[in-house]
Amino acid sequence: AVDCSFSRGVCDWKQDADDDFDWNPADRDRGDGYYMAVPAFVGHKKDMGRLKLLLTDLKPKSSYCLIFSYRLAGERVGKLRVFLANKKTTPVWEQNKGKDERWRTGKIDILQGAETTNSVTFESERGKGKTGEIGVDDVILISGLCPED
């Protein structure tokens, strides 16, 4: 497994230069490290912020599972989407409403064809809300398909 959480820095994360705002580090409540977040009040409605994870050395014709923690805290906070590089236009995962402020787990299967996926993008879209935030943390890549819950 490759641990791409933000406190360790082993993975190559890049801010998209062509988007409207950056994701920023935010301290965890328990004080152990930090996560990446977009506060609800940043930017204007429909503005986007993209954080890209560059993946190297993924083997062709093999499967991987991307597991991550996320939370959408606040009323009308916006949307969180995940895109794979080879399918740029359609998100492979999307969430637009938090039931509460708790962290939840997202899982995405990455199936490699002859071409390998070389990046995963977390995209935050600003909503109408003025409070709360969209957060992502504990991004891990493991070999094989995602385990069932």
Protein backbone atom coordinates (compact mmCIF):
# COMPACT_ATOMS: atom_id res chain seq x y z
CA ALA A 1 0.00 0.00 0.00
CA VAL A 2 1.16 3.52 -0.72
CA ASP A 3 0.23 6.00 1.98
CA CYS A 4 -0.45 9.38 0.41
CA SER A 5 -1.75 11.17 3.47
CA PHE A 6 -0.53 14.73 3.67
CA SER A 7 1.48 14.54 6.86
CA ARG A 8 4.04 12.10 5.45
CA GLY A 9 4.77 13.65 2.11
CA VAL A 10 5.80 10.50 0.22
CA CYS A 11 3.38 11.14 -2.63
CA ASP A 12 3.48 13.83 -5.25
CA TRP A 13 0.54 16.21 -4.75
CA LYS A 14 0.13 19.21 -7.06
CA GLN A 15 -2.19 22.19 -6.95
CA ASP A 16 -3.80 22.85 -10.33
CA ALA A 17 -2.58 26.21 -11.64
CA ASP A 18 -5.64 26.76 -13.86
CA ASP A 19 -8.32 26.52 -11.20
CA ASP A 20 -9.91 29.22 -9.05
CA PHE A 21 -8.44 28.50 -5.60
CA ASP A 22 -6.02 26.21 -3.79
CA TRP A 23 -6.64 23.53 -1.25
CA ASN A 24 -4.89 24.35 2.03
CA PRO A 25 -3.53 22.32 4.92
CA ALA A 26 -5.76 22.34 8.01
CA ASP A 27 -4.82 20.99 11.43
CA ARG A 28 -6.61 17.91 12.67
CA ASP A 29 -8.59 18.15 15.91
CA ARG A 30 -6.42 15.55 17.59
CA GLY A 31 -3.31 17.43 16.57
CA ASP A 32 -1.67 14.53 14.70
CA GLY A 33 -0.76 16.01 11.37
CA TYR A 34 -3.09 17.77 8.98
CA TYR A 35 -5.54 17.27 6.15
CA MET A 36 -6.29 19.29 3.03
CA ALA A 37 -9.33 21.51 3.05
CA VAL A 38 -11.27 24.15 1.21
CA PRO A 39 -13.26 26.46 3.52
CA ALA A 40 -16.81 27.18 2.33
CA PHE A 41 -16.27 30.94 2.04
CA VAL A 42 -13.38 30.76 -0.45
CA GLY A 43 -14.15 32.00 -3.95
CA HIS A 44 -17.52 32.43 -5.66
CA LYS A 45 -20.29 29.94 -6.32
CA LYS A 46 -19.23 27.34 -8.92
CA ASP A 47 -15.52 28.15 -8.50
CA MET A 48 -13.30 25.06 -8.59
CA GLY A 49 -10.20 23.99 -6.74
CA ARG A 50 -8.28 20.94 -7.94
CA LEU A 51 -5.68 18.93 -6.08
CA LYS A 52 -3.92 16.33 -8.16
CA LEU A 53 -2.16 13.18 -6.98
CA LEU A 54 0.48 12.07 -9.48
CA LEU A 55 0.72 8.30 -9.65
CA THR A 56 3.88 6.67 -10.87
CA ASP A 57 4.79 3.03 -11.36
CA LEU A 58 1.25 1.68 -11.65
CA LYS A 59 1.40 -1.52 -13.66
CA PRO A 60 -0.65 -1.84 -16.85
CA LYS A 61 -3.54 -4.34 -16.85
CA SER A 62 -3.70 -4.48 -13.08
CA SER A 63 -6.19 -3.14 -10.58
CA TYR A 64 -5.79 -0.79 -7.66
CA CYS A 65 -8.03 0.67 -5.01
CA LEU A 66 -7.88 4.29 -3.91
CA ILE A 67 -9.23 4.75 -0.39
CA PHE A 68 -9.62 8.18 1.18
CA SER A 69 -11.31 10.02 4.01
CA TYR A 70 -13.50 12.98 3.20
CA ARG A 71 -16.00 15.26 4.78
CA LEU A 72 -18.45 17.86 3.57
CA ALA A 73 -19.21 19.98 6.61
CA GLY A 74 -21.73 22.80 6.50
CA GLU A 75 -24.95 23.72 4.79
CA ARG A 76 -24.76 23.86 0.95
CA VAL A 77 -20.98 23.59 1.14
CA GLY A 78 -20.52 22.46 -2.45
CA LYS A 79 -19.35 19.31 -4.21
CA LEU A 80 -16.38 17.01 -4.03
CA ARG A 81 -15.53 15.02 -7.13
CA VAL A 82 -12.75 12.63 -8.05
CA PHE A 83 -11.45 12.25 -11.60
CA LEU A 84 -9.02 9.74 -13.06
CA ALA A 85 -6.58 11.12 -15.62
CA ASN A 86 -7.67 8.93 -18.51
CA LYS A 87 -11.37 9.83 -18.01
CA LYS A 88 -11.05 13.56 -17.55
CA THR A 89 -14.63 14.58 -18.29
CA THR A 90 -16.64 12.25 -16.07
CA PRO A 91 -16.04 12.02 -12.34
CA VAL A 92 -15.58 8.46 -11.04
CA TRP A 93 -16.89 9.60 -7.65
CA GLU A 94 -19.00 12.55 -6.53
CA GLN A 95 -20.53 13.70 -3.28
CA ASN A 96 -22.45 16.91 -2.73
CA LYS A 97 -24.00 16.71 0.70
CA GLY A 98 -22.77 15.82 4.12
CA LYS A 99 -25.39 14.32 6.43
CA ASP A 100 -23.28 15.65 9.28
CA GLU A 101 -19.74 16.84 9.85
CA ARG A 102 -18.26 13.38 10.31
CA TRP A 103 -15.43 11.98 8.24
CA ARG A 104 -16.46 9.21 5.87
CA THR A 105 -14.55 6.80 3.66
CA GLY A 106 -14.57 6.87 -0.13
CA LYS A 107 -13.30 4.01 -2.30
CA ILE A 108 -12.58 3.99 -6.00
CA ASP A 109 -11.48 1.07 -8.15
CA ILE A 110 -8.76 1.98 -10.63
CA LEU A 111 -8.72 -0.60 -13.42
CA GLN A 112 -5.68 -0.33 -15.66
CA GLY A 113 -5.89 -1.10 -19.34
CA ALA A 114 -2.86 -0.96 -21.58
CA GLU A 115 -2.53 2.70 -20.59
CA THR A 116 -2.02 3.38 -16.93
CA THR A 117 -3.75 6.06 -14.91
CA ASN A 118 -1.10 8.60 -14.05
CA SER A 119 -3.08 10.90 -11.80
CA VAL A 120 -6.14 11.25 -9.62
CA THR A 121 -7.72 14.69 -9.14
CA PHE A 122 -9.81 15.79 -6.18
CA GLU A 123 -12.01 18.66 -7.29
CA SER A 124 -13.90 20.90 -4.92
CA GLU A 125 -16.72 23.04 -6.28
CA ARG A 126 -17.85 26.00 -4.21
CA GLY A 127 -21.50 25.92 -3.14
CA LYS A 128 -23.83 28.60 -1.79
CA GLY A 129 -22.91 28.05 1.84
CA LYS A 130 -20.75 30.42 3.85
CA THR A 131 -19.69 28.07 6.63
CA GLY A 132 -18.06 24.68 6.84
CA GLU A 133 -15.46 23.13 4.58
CA ILE A 134 -14.68 20.30 2.24
CA GLY A 135 -11.84 18.13 3.51
CA VAL A 136 -9.79 15.19 2.23
CA ASP A 137 -7.30 13.07 4.15
CA ASP A 138 -5.66 9.65 4.51
CA VAL A 139 -5.38 8.87 0.83
CA ILE A 140 -4.10 5.32 0.36
CA LEU A 141 -3.52 3.30 -2.77
CA ILE A 142 -3.56 -0.50 -2.50
CA SER A 143 -3.14 -3.26 -5.05
CA GLY A 144 -6.22 -5.18 -6.12
CA LEU A 145 -9.88 -4.27 -6.20
CA CYS A 146 -11.45 -2.38 -3.30
CA PRO A 147 -12.52 -4.60 -0.42
CA GLU A 148 -16.25 -4.88 0.22
CA ASP A 149 -17.43 -3.20 3.41
